[in-house]
Full PDB file with SEQRES, HELIX, SHEET, SSBOND, CRYST1, ORIGX, SCALE, CONECT and MASTER records, all heavy atoms in Angstrom:
SEQRES   1 A   37  VAL GLU ALA GLU MET MET LEU ALA ASP VAL LEU GLY ARG          
SEQRES   2 A   37  ASP ALA VAL LEU ALA GLY ILE ALA TYR ILE SER ALA HIS          
SEQRES   3 A   37  ILE VAL ALA PRO GLY VAL ILE GLU HIS VAL GLY                  
HELIX    1 AA1 ALA A    3  LEU A   11  1                                   9    
HELIX    2 AA2 ARG A   13  ALA A   15  5                                   3    
SHEET    1 AA1 2 SER A  24  ALA A  29  0                                        
SHEET    2 AA1 2 VAL A  32  VAL A  36 -1                                        
CRYST1    1.000    1.000    1.000  90.00  90.00  90.00 P 1           1          
ORIGX1      1.000000  0.000000  0.000000        0.00000                         
ORIGX2      0.000000  1.000000  0.000000        0.00000                         
ORIGX3      0.000000  0.000000  1.000000        0.00000                         
SCALE1      1.000000  0.000000  0.000000        0.00000                         
SCALE2      0.000000  1.000000  0.000000        0.00000                         
SCALE3      0.000000  0.000000  1.000000        0.00000                         
ATOM      1  N   VAL A   1       0.822  -1.214   0.000  1.00  0.00           N  
ATOM      2  CA  VAL A   1       0.000   0.000   0.000  1.00  0.00           C  
ATOM      3  C   VAL A   1       0.860   1.270   0.000  1.00  0.00           C  
ATOM      4  O   VAL A   1       0.371   2.356   0.301  1.00  0.00           O  
ATOM      5  CB  VAL A   1      -0.955   0.022   1.218  1.00  0.00           C  
ATOM      6  CG1 VAL A   1      -2.031  -1.029   1.073  1.00  0.00           C  
ATOM      7  CG2 VAL A   1      -0.189  -0.159   2.531  1.00  0.00           C  
ATOM      8  N   GLU A   2       2.133   1.137  -0.366  1.00  0.00           N  
ATOM      9  CA  GLU A   2       3.049   2.275  -0.281  1.00  0.00           C  
ATOM     10  C   GLU A   2       3.697   2.648  -1.607  1.00  0.00           C  
ATOM     11  O   GLU A   2       4.350   3.687  -1.713  1.00  0.00           O  
ATOM     12  CB  GLU A   2       4.149   1.977   0.754  1.00  0.00           C  
ATOM     13  CG  GLU A   2       3.589   1.726   2.153  1.00  0.00           C  
ATOM     14  CD  GLU A   2       4.612   1.130   3.098  1.00  0.00           C  
ATOM     15  OE1 GLU A   2       5.041  -0.017   2.863  1.00  0.00           O  
ATOM     16  OE2 GLU A   2       4.991   1.817   4.075  1.00  0.00           O  
ATOM     17  N   ALA A   3       3.549   1.828  -2.637  1.00  0.00           N  
ATOM     18  CA  ALA A   3       4.263   2.050  -3.897  1.00  0.00           C  
ATOM     19  C   ALA A   3       3.852   3.359  -4.561  1.00  0.00           C  
ATOM     20  O   ALA A   3       4.700   4.061  -5.146  1.00  0.00           O  
ATOM     21  CB  ALA A   3       4.020   0.884  -4.851  1.00  0.00           C  
ATOM     22  N   GLU A   4       2.566   3.683  -4.510  1.00  0.00           N  
ATOM     23  CA  GLU A   4       2.086   4.887  -5.200  1.00  0.00           C  
ATOM     24  C   GLU A   4       2.767   6.150  -4.687  1.00  0.00           C  
ATOM     25  O   GLU A   4       3.159   7.031  -5.465  1.00  0.00           O  
ATOM     26  CB  GLU A   4       0.566   5.011  -5.053  1.00  0.00           C  
ATOM     27  CG  GLU A   4      -0.230   4.052  -5.904  1.00  0.00           C  
ATOM     28  CD  GLU A   4      -0.206   2.623  -5.397  1.00  0.00           C  
ATOM     29  OE1 GLU A   4       0.161   2.405  -4.218  1.00  0.00           O  
ATOM     30  OE2 GLU A   4      -0.548   1.706  -6.166  1.00  0.00           O  
ATOM     31  N   MET A   5       2.935   6.251  -3.372  1.00  0.00           N  
ATOM     32  CA  MET A   5       3.584   7.434  -2.819  1.00  0.00           C  
ATOM     33  C   MET A   5       5.080   7.447  -3.126  1.00  0.00           C  
ATOM     34  O   MET A   5       5.682   8.511  -3.302  1.00  0.00           O  
ATOM     35  CB  MET A   5       3.349   7.498  -1.309  1.00  0.00           C  
ATOM     36  CG  MET A   5       1.897   7.810  -0.926  1.00  0.00           C  
ATOM     37  SD  MET A   5       1.290   9.374  -1.632  1.00  0.00           S  
ATOM     38  CE  MET A   5       0.332   8.781  -3.040  1.00  0.00           C  
ATOM     39  N   MET A   6       5.686   6.271  -3.219  1.00  0.00           N  
ATOM     40  CA  MET A   6       7.088   6.198  -3.607  1.00  0.00           C  
ATOM     41  C   MET A   6       7.272   6.709  -5.034  1.00  0.00           C  
ATOM     42  O   MET A   6       8.221   7.440  -5.336  1.00  0.00           O  
ATOM     43  CB  MET A   6       7.587   4.763  -3.469  1.00  0.00           C  
ATOM     44  CG  MET A   6       7.594   4.252  -2.036  1.00  0.00           C  
ATOM     45  SD  MET A   6       7.836   2.454  -1.924  1.00  0.00           S  
ATOM     46  CE  MET A   6       9.525   2.286  -2.470  1.00  0.00           C  
ATOM     47  N   LEU A   7       6.361   6.349  -5.929  1.00  0.00           N  
ATOM     48  CA  LEU A   7       6.410   6.839  -7.308  1.00  0.00           C  
ATOM     49  C   LEU A   7       6.119   8.334  -7.362  1.00  0.00           C  
ATOM     50  O   LEU A   7       6.783   9.077  -8.100  1.00  0.00           O  
ATOM     51  CB  LEU A   7       5.404   6.076  -8.166  1.00  0.00           C  
ATOM     52  CG  LEU A   7       5.701   4.603  -8.419  1.00  0.00           C  
ATOM     53  CD1 LEU A   7       4.512   3.928  -9.096  1.00  0.00           C  
ATOM     54  CD2 LEU A   7       6.959   4.437  -9.276  1.00  0.00           C  
ATOM     55  N   ALA A   8       5.128   8.772  -6.583  1.00  0.00           N  
ATOM     56  CA  ALA A   8       4.746  10.189  -6.595  1.00  0.00           C  
ATOM     57  C   ALA A   8       5.882  11.085  -6.120  1.00  0.00           C  
ATOM     58  O   ALA A   8       6.022  12.222  -6.574  1.00  0.00           O  
ATOM     59  CB  ALA A   8       3.507  10.400  -5.735  1.00  0.00           C  
ATOM     60  N   ASP A   9       6.718  10.579  -5.208  1.00  0.00           N  
ATOM     61  CA  ASP A   9       7.848  11.366  -4.718  1.00  0.00           C  
ATOM     62  C   ASP A   9       8.824  11.706  -5.843  1.00  0.00           C  
ATOM     63  O   ASP A   9       9.504  12.732  -5.795  1.00  0.00           O  
ATOM     64  CB  ASP A   9       8.590  10.593  -3.621  1.00  0.00           C  
ATOM     65  CG  ASP A   9       7.832  10.580  -2.297  1.00  0.00           C  
ATOM     66  OD1 ASP A   9       6.913  11.403  -2.137  1.00  0.00           O  
ATOM     67  OD2 ASP A   9       8.157   9.736  -1.445  1.00  0.00           O  
ATOM     68  N   VAL A  10       8.894  10.854  -6.862  1.00  0.00           N  
ATOM     69  CA  VAL A  10       9.822  11.071  -7.978  1.00  0.00           C  
ATOM     70  C   VAL A  10       9.124  11.720  -9.174  1.00  0.00           C  
ATOM     71  O   VAL A  10       9.648  12.655  -9.783  1.00  0.00           O  
ATOM     72  CB  VAL A  10      10.462   9.735  -8.415  1.00  0.00           C  
ATOM     73  CG1 VAL A  10      11.388   9.951  -9.615  1.00  0.00           C  
ATOM     74  CG2 VAL A  10      11.224   9.104  -7.264  1.00  0.00           C  
ATOM     75  N   LEU A  11       7.922  11.233  -9.494  1.00  0.00           N  
ATOM     76  CA  LEU A  11       7.242  11.644 -10.724  1.00  0.00           C  
ATOM     77  C   LEU A  11       6.248  12.778 -10.520  1.00  0.00           C  
ATOM     78  O   LEU A  11       5.818  13.406 -11.485  1.00  0.00           O  
ATOM     79  CB  LEU A  11       6.494  10.445 -11.322  1.00  0.00           C  
ATOM     80  CG  LEU A  11       7.344   9.234 -11.692  1.00  0.00           C  
ATOM     81  CD1 LEU A  11       6.457   8.073 -12.109  1.00  0.00           C  
ATOM     82  CD2 LEU A  11       8.320   9.580 -12.790  1.00  0.00           C  
ATOM     83  N   GLY A  12       5.874  13.033  -9.277  1.00  0.00           N  
ATOM     84  CA  GLY A  12       4.811  13.985  -8.996  1.00  0.00           C  
ATOM     85  C   GLY A  12       3.481  13.257  -8.878  1.00  0.00           C  
ATOM     86  O   GLY A  12       3.210  12.319  -9.644  1.00  0.00           O  
ATOM     87  N   ARG A  13       2.660  13.677  -7.965  1.00  0.00           N  
ATOM     88  CA  ARG A  13       1.403  12.995  -7.683  1.00  0.00           C  
ATOM     89  C   ARG A  13       0.475  12.959  -8.901  1.00  0.00           C  
ATOM     90  O   ARG A  13      -0.229  11.978  -9.133  1.00  0.00           O  
ATOM     91  CB  ARG A  13       0.714  13.690  -6.503  1.00  0.00           C  
ATOM     92  CG  ARG A  13      -0.461  12.931  -5.912  1.00  0.00           C  
ATOM     93  CD  ARG A  13      -1.043  13.688  -4.725  1.00  0.00           C  
ATOM     94  NE  ARG A  13      -2.179  12.973  -4.169  1.00  0.00           N  
ATOM     95  CZ  ARG A  13      -2.119  12.114  -3.166  1.00  0.00           C  
ATOM     96  NH1 ARG A  13      -0.936  11.860  -2.606  1.00  0.00           N  
ATOM     97  NH2 ARG A  13      -3.192  11.508  -2.713  1.00  0.00           N  
ATOM     98  N   ASP A  14       0.486  14.006  -9.708  1.00  0.00           N  
ATOM     99  CA  ASP A  14      -0.428  14.089 -10.850  1.00  0.00           C  
ATOM    100  C   ASP A  14      -0.125  13.053 -11.924  1.00  0.00           C  
ATOM    101  O   ASP A  14      -0.981  12.761 -12.763  1.00  0.00           O  
ATOM    102  CB  ASP A  14      -0.384  15.489 -11.469  1.00  0.00           C  
ATOM    103  CG  ASP A  14      -1.051  16.530 -10.595  1.00  0.00           C  
ATOM    104  OD1 ASP A  14      -1.785  16.142  -9.663  1.00  0.00           O  
ATOM    105  OD2 ASP A  14      -0.840  17.731 -10.844  1.00  0.00           O  
ATOM    106  N   ALA A  15       1.080  12.505 -11.920  1.00  0.00           N  
ATOM    107  CA  ALA A  15       1.456  11.548 -12.962  1.00  0.00           C  
ATOM    108  C   ALA A  15       1.154  10.102 -12.577  1.00  0.00           C  
ATOM    109  O   ALA A  15       1.371   9.193 -13.383  1.00  0.00           O  
ATOM    110  CB  ALA A  15       2.941  11.682 -13.269  1.00  0.00           C  
ATOM    111  N   VAL A  16       0.641   9.886 -11.357  1.00  0.00           N  
ATOM    112  CA  VAL A  16       0.521   8.521 -10.841  1.00  0.00           C  
ATOM    113  C   VAL A  16      -0.938   8.116 -10.658  1.00  0.00           C  
ATOM    114  O   VAL A  16      -1.740   8.855 -10.092  1.00  0.00           O  
ATOM    115  CB  VAL A  16       1.261   8.388  -9.487  1.00  0.00           C  
ATOM    116  CG1 VAL A  16       1.110   6.972  -8.929  1.00  0.00           C  
ATOM    117  CG2 VAL A  16       2.741   8.737  -9.653  1.00  0.00           C  
ATOM    118  N   LEU A  17      -1.267   6.927 -11.157  1.00  0.00           N  
ATOM    119  CA  LEU A  17      -2.530   6.254 -10.850  1.00  0.00           C  
ATOM    120  C   LEU A  17      -2.224   5.036  -9.992  1.00  0.00           C  
ATOM    121  O   LEU A  17      -1.140   4.451 -10.093  1.00  0.00           O  
ATOM    122  CB  LEU A  17      -3.251   5.796 -12.122  1.00  0.00           C  
ATOM    123  CG  LEU A  17      -3.670   6.862 -13.135  1.00  0.00           C  
ATOM    124  CD1 LEU A  17      -4.378   6.193 -14.315  1.00  0.00           C  
ATOM    125  CD2 LEU A  17      -4.571   7.903 -12.500  1.00  0.00           C  
ATOM    126  N   ALA A  18      -3.176   4.655  -9.161  1.00  0.00           N  
ATOM    127  CA  ALA A  18      -3.033   3.445  -8.346  1.00  0.00           C  
ATOM    128  C   ALA A  18      -3.544   2.254  -9.137  1.00  0.00           C  
ATOM    129  O   ALA A  18      -4.505   2.368  -9.905  1.00  0.00           O  
ATOM    130  CB  ALA A  18      -3.824   3.595  -7.050  1.00  0.00           C  
ATOM    131  N   GLY A  19      -2.908   1.103  -8.945  1.00  0.00           N  
ATOM    132  CA  GLY A  19      -3.342  -0.084  -9.659  1.00  0.00           C  
ATOM    133  C   GLY A  19      -3.158  -1.348  -8.849  1.00  0.00           C  
ATOM    134  O   GLY A  19      -2.331  -1.409  -7.924  1.00  0.00           O  
ATOM    135  N   ILE A  20      -3.921  -2.366  -9.204  1.00  0.00           N  
ATOM    136  CA  ILE A  20      -3.839  -3.668  -8.556  1.00  0.00           C  
ATOM    137  C   ILE A  20      -3.904  -4.739  -9.633  1.00  0.00           C  
ATOM    138  O   ILE A  20      -4.769  -4.690 -10.510  1.00  0.00           O  
ATOM    139  CB  ILE A  20      -5.007  -3.895  -7.574  1.00  0.00           C  
ATOM    140  CG1 ILE A  20      -5.058  -2.795  -6.509  1.00  0.00           C  
ATOM    141  CG2 ILE A  20      -4.901  -5.262  -6.911  1.00  0.00           C  
ATOM    142  CD1 ILE A  20      -6.326  -2.819  -5.677  1.00  0.00           C  
ATOM    143  N   ALA A  21      -2.992  -5.695  -9.556  1.00  0.00           N  
ATOM    144  CA  ALA A  21      -3.016  -6.840 -10.463  1.00  0.00           C  
ATOM    145  C   ALA A  21      -3.510  -8.059  -9.702  1.00  0.00           C  
ATOM    146  O   ALA A  21      -2.918  -8.446  -8.692  1.00  0.00           O  
ATOM    147  CB  ALA A  21      -1.620  -7.093 -11.025  1.00  0.00           C  
ATOM    148  N   TYR A  22      -4.595  -8.640 -10.182  1.00  0.00           N  
ATOM    149  CA  TYR A  22      -5.109  -9.882  -9.607  1.00  0.00           C  
ATOM    150  C   TYR A  22      -4.723 -11.017 -10.552  1.00  0.00           C  
ATOM    151  O   TYR A  22      -5.379 -11.276 -11.554  1.00  0.00           O  
ATOM    152  CB  TYR A  22      -6.625  -9.824  -9.462  1.00  0.00           C  
ATOM    153  CG  TYR A  22      -7.114  -8.810  -8.451  1.00  0.00           C  
ATOM    154  CD1 TYR A  22      -7.612  -7.568  -8.855  1.00  0.00           C  
ATOM    155  CD2 TYR A  22      -7.073  -9.077  -7.087  1.00  0.00           C  
ATOM    156  CE1 TYR A  22      -8.062  -6.638  -7.929  1.00  0.00           C  
ATOM    157  CE2 TYR A  22      -7.517  -8.146  -6.151  1.00  0.00           C  
ATOM    158  CZ  TYR A  22      -8.009  -6.936  -6.583  1.00  0.00           C  
ATOM    159  OH  TYR A  22      -8.448  -6.018  -5.667  1.00  0.00           O  
ATOM    160  N   ILE A  23      -3.628 -11.675 -10.237  1.00  0.00           N  
ATOM    161  CA  ILE A  23      -3.123 -12.743 -11.104  1.00  0.00           C  
ATOM    162  C   ILE A  23      -2.070 -13.534 -10.338  1.00  0.00           C  
ATOM    163  O   ILE A  23      -1.402 -13.000  -9.449  1.00  0.00           O  
ATOM    164  CB  ILE A  23      -2.496 -12.157 -12.396  1.00  0.00           C  
ATOM    165  CG1 ILE A  23      -2.218 -13.255 -13.413  1.00  0.00           C  
ATOM    166  CG2 ILE A  23      -1.245 -11.358 -12.091  1.00  0.00           C  
ATOM    167  CD1 ILE A  23      -1.792 -12.726 -14.777  1.00  0.00           C  
ATOM    168  N   SER A  24      -1.947 -14.805 -10.677  1.00  0.00           N  
ATOM    169  CA  SER A  24      -0.831 -15.609 -10.199  1.00  0.00           C  
ATOM    170  C   SER A  24      -0.047 -16.048 -11.427  1.00  0.00           C  
ATOM    171  O   SER A  24      -0.487 -16.913 -12.195  1.00  0.00           O  
ATOM    172  CB  SER A  24      -1.330 -16.831  -9.417  1.00  0.00           C  
ATOM    173  OG  SER A  24      -0.244 -17.627  -8.984  1.00  0.00           O  
ATOM    174  N   ALA A  25       1.097 -15.416 -11.641  1.00  0.00           N  
ATOM    175  CA  ALA A  25       1.918 -15.700 -12.812  1.00  0.00           C  
ATOM    176  C   ALA A  25       3.380 -15.513 -12.439  1.00  0.00           C  
ATOM    177  O   ALA A  25       3.724 -14.599 -11.689  1.00  0.00           O  
ATOM    178  CB  ALA A  25       1.544 -14.778 -13.972  1.00  0.00           C  
ATOM    179  N   HIS A  26       4.238 -16.382 -12.963  1.00  0.00           N  
ATOM    180  CA  HIS A  26       5.653 -16.357 -12.601  1.00  0.00           C  
ATOM    181  C   HIS A  26       6.510 -16.717 -13.809  1.00  0.00           C  
ATOM    182  O   HIS A  26       6.058 -17.406 -14.727  1.00  0.00           O  
ATOM    183  CB  HIS A  26       5.949 -17.367 -11.476  1.00  0.00           C  
ATOM    184  CG  HIS A  26       5.009 -17.312 -10.332  1.00  0.00           C  
ATOM    185  ND1 HIS A  26       5.021 -16.293  -9.402  1.00  0.00           N  
ATOM    186  CD2 HIS A  26       3.991 -18.139  -9.963  1.00  0.00           C  
ATOM    187  CE1 HIS A  26       4.066 -16.503  -8.512  1.00  0.00           C  
ATOM    188  NE2 HIS A  26       3.433 -17.617  -8.832  1.00  0.00           N  
ATOM    189  N   ILE A  27       7.752 -16.264 -13.787  1.00  0.00           N  
ATOM    190  CA  ILE A  27       8.738 -16.714 -14.771  1.00  0.00           C  
ATOM    191  C   ILE A  27       9.126 -18.142 -14.406  1.00  0.00           C  
ATOM    192  O   ILE A  27       9.592 -18.400 -13.286  1.00  0.00           O  
ATOM    193  CB  ILE A  27       9.983 -15.816 -14.771  1.00  0.00           C  
ATOM    194  CG1 ILE A  27       9.625 -14.376 -15.168  1.00  0.00           C  
ATOM    195  CG2 ILE A  27      11.042 -16.365 -15.718  1.00  0.00           C  
ATOM    196  CD1 ILE A  27      10.769 -13.390 -14.997  1.00  0.00           C  
ATOM    197  N   VAL A  28       8.939 -19.088 -15.324  1.00  0.00           N  
ATOM    198  CA  VAL A  28       9.309 -20.481 -15.059  1.00  0.00           C  
ATOM    199  C   VAL A  28      10.577 -20.875 -15.810  1.00  0.00           C  
ATOM    200  O   VAL A  28      11.192 -21.900 -15.512  1.00  0.00           O  
ATOM    201  CB  VAL A  28       8.153 -21.443 -15.414  1.00  0.00           C  
ATOM    202  CG1 VAL A  28       6.988 -21.226 -14.466  1.00  0.00           C  
ATOM    203  CG2 VAL A  28       7.710 -21.272 -16.863  1.00  0.00           C  
ATOM    204  N   ALA A  29      10.970 -20.086 -16.769  1.00  0.00           N  
ATOM    205  CA  ALA A  29      12.223 -20.248 -17.508  1.00  0.00           C  
ATOM    206  C   ALA A  29      12.481 -18.925 -18.211  1.00  0.00           C  
ATOM    207  O   ALA A  29      11.547 -18.138 -18.416  1.00  0.00           O  
ATOM    208  CB  ALA A  29      12.117 -21.386 -18.528  1.00  0.00           C  
ATOM    209  N   PRO A  30      13.727 -18.605 -18.557  1.00  0.00           N  
ATOM    210  CA  PRO A  30      13.978 -17.344 -19.254  1.00  0.00           C  
ATOM    211  C   PRO A  30      13.100 -17.202 -20.499  1.00  0.00           C  
ATOM    212  O   PRO A  30      13.059 -18.084 -21.354  1.00  0.00           O  
ATOM    213  CB  PRO A  30      15.465 -17.456 -19.637  1.00  0.00           C  
ATOM    214  CG  PRO A  30      16.046 -18.328 -18.574  1.00  0.00           C  
ATOM    215  CD  PRO A  30      14.985 -19.342 -18.283  1.00  0.00           C  
ATOM    216  N   GLY A  31      12.338 -16.102 -20.531  1.00  0.00           N  
ATOM    217  CA  GLY A  31      11.452 -15.850 -21.661  1.00  0.00           C  
ATOM    218  C   GLY A  31      10.118 -16.555 -21.596  1.00  0.00           C  
ATOM    219  O   GLY A  31       9.319 -16.437 -22.526  1.00  0.00           O  
ATOM    220  N   VAL A  32       9.848 -17.261 -20.481  1.00  0.00           N  
ATOM    221  CA  VAL A  32       8.605 -18.045 -20.365  1.00  0.00           C  
ATOM    222  C   VAL A  32       7.877 -17.693 -19.071  1.00  0.00           C  
ATOM    223  O   VAL A  32       8.457 -17.761 -17.980  1.00  0.00           O  
ATOM    224  CB  VAL A  32       8.878 -19.557 -20.393  1.00  0.00           C  
ATOM    225  CG1 VAL A  32       7.564 -20.336 -20.350  1.00  0.00           C  
ATOM    226  CG2 VAL A  32       9.683 -19.942 -21.614  1.00  0.00           C  
ATOM    227  N   ILE A  33       6.598 -17.330 -19.192  1.00  0.00           N  
ATOM    228  CA  ILE A  33       5.759 -16.998 -18.039  1.00  0.00           C  
ATOM    229  C   ILE A  33       4.599 -17.981 -17.975  1.00  0.00           C  
ATOM    230  O   ILE A  33       3.970 -18.283 -18.995  1.00  0.00           O  
ATOM    231  CB  ILE A  33       5.238 -15.555 -18.150  1.00  0.00           C  
ATOM    232  CG1 ILE A  33       6.391 -14.572 -17.942  1.00  0.00           C  
ATOM    233  CG2 ILE A  33       4.127 -15.275 -17.144  1.00  0.00           C  
ATOM    234  CD1 ILE A  33       6.075 -13.160 -18.293  1.00  0.00           C  
ATOM    235  N   GLU A  34       4.330 -18.468 -16.773  1.00  0.00           N  
ATOM    236  CA  GLU A  34       3.211 -19.384 -16.568  1.00  0.00           C  
ATOM    237  C   GLU A  34       2.148 -18.705 -15.722  1.00  0.00           C  
ATOM    238  O   GLU A  34       2.437 -18.202 -14.633  1.00  0.00           O  
ATOM    239  CB  GLU A  34       3.675 -20.668 -15.897  1.00  0.00           C  
ATOM    240  CG  GLU A  34       2.578 -21.718 -15.779  1.00  0.00           C  
ATOM    241  CD  GLU A  34       3.130 -23.065 -15.360  1.00  0.00           C  
ATOM    242  OE1 GLU A  34       3.464 -23.204 -14.170  1.00  0.00           O  
ATOM    243  OE2 GLU A  34       3.246 -23.954 -16.222  1.00  0.00           O  
ATOM    244  N   HIS A  35       0.925 -18.691 -16.223  1.00  0.00           N  
ATOM    245  CA  HIS A  35      -0.229 -18.105 -15.538  1.00  0.00           C  
ATOM    246  C   HIS A  35      -1.031 -19.239 -14.922  1.00  0.00           C  
ATOM    247  O   HIS A  35      -1.514 -20.122 -15.623  1.00  0.00           O  
ATOM    248  CB  HIS A  35      -1.064 -17.315 -16.562  1.00  0.00           C  
ATOM    249  CG  HIS A  35      -2.382 -16.840 -16.044  1.00  0.00           C  
ATOM    250  ND1 HIS A  35      -3.497 -16.748 -16.854  1.00  0.00           N  
ATOM    251  CD2 HIS A  35      -2.777 -16.433 -14.812  1.00  0.00           C  
ATOM    252  CE1 HIS A  35      -4.512 -16.301 -16.148  1.00  0.00           C  
ATOM    253  NE2 HIS A  35      -4.098 -16.109 -14.905  1.00  0.00           N  
ATOM    254  N   VAL A  36      -1.190 -19.208 -13.590  1.00  0.00           N  
ATOM    255  CA  VAL A  36      -1.900 -20.254 -12.853  1.00  0.00           C  
ATOM    256  C   VAL A  36      -3.328 -19.807 -12.585  1.00  0.00           C  
ATOM    257  O   VAL A  36      -3.563 -18.663 -12.178  1.00  0.00           O  
ATOM    258  CB  VAL A  36      -1.184 -20.568 -11.525  1.00  0.00           C  
ATOM    259  CG1 VAL A  36      -1.944 -21.627 -10.736  1.00  0.00           C  
ATOM    260  CG2 VAL A  36       0.244 -21.033 -11.786  1.00  0.00           C  
ATOM    261  N   GLY A  37      -4.296 -20.712 -12.788  1.00  0.00           N  
ATOM    262  CA  GLY A  37      -5.692 -20.373 -12.543  1.00  0.00           C  
ATOM    263  C   GLY A  37      -6.290 -19.603 -13.707  1.00  0.00           C  
ATOM    264  O   GLY A  37      -5.705 -19.508 -14.789  1.00  0.00           O  
TER     265      GLY A  37                                                      
MASTER        0    0    0    2    2    0    0    6  264    1    0    3          
END                                                                             
């Protein structure tokens, strides 16, 4: 819950939107991503 303010400190608050990714995905080999579920 702190990333947005960390970005705003560098980029300015007006340049930042908050976001959430709902996904389970990982790198399983170089260049390969596996999405679970």
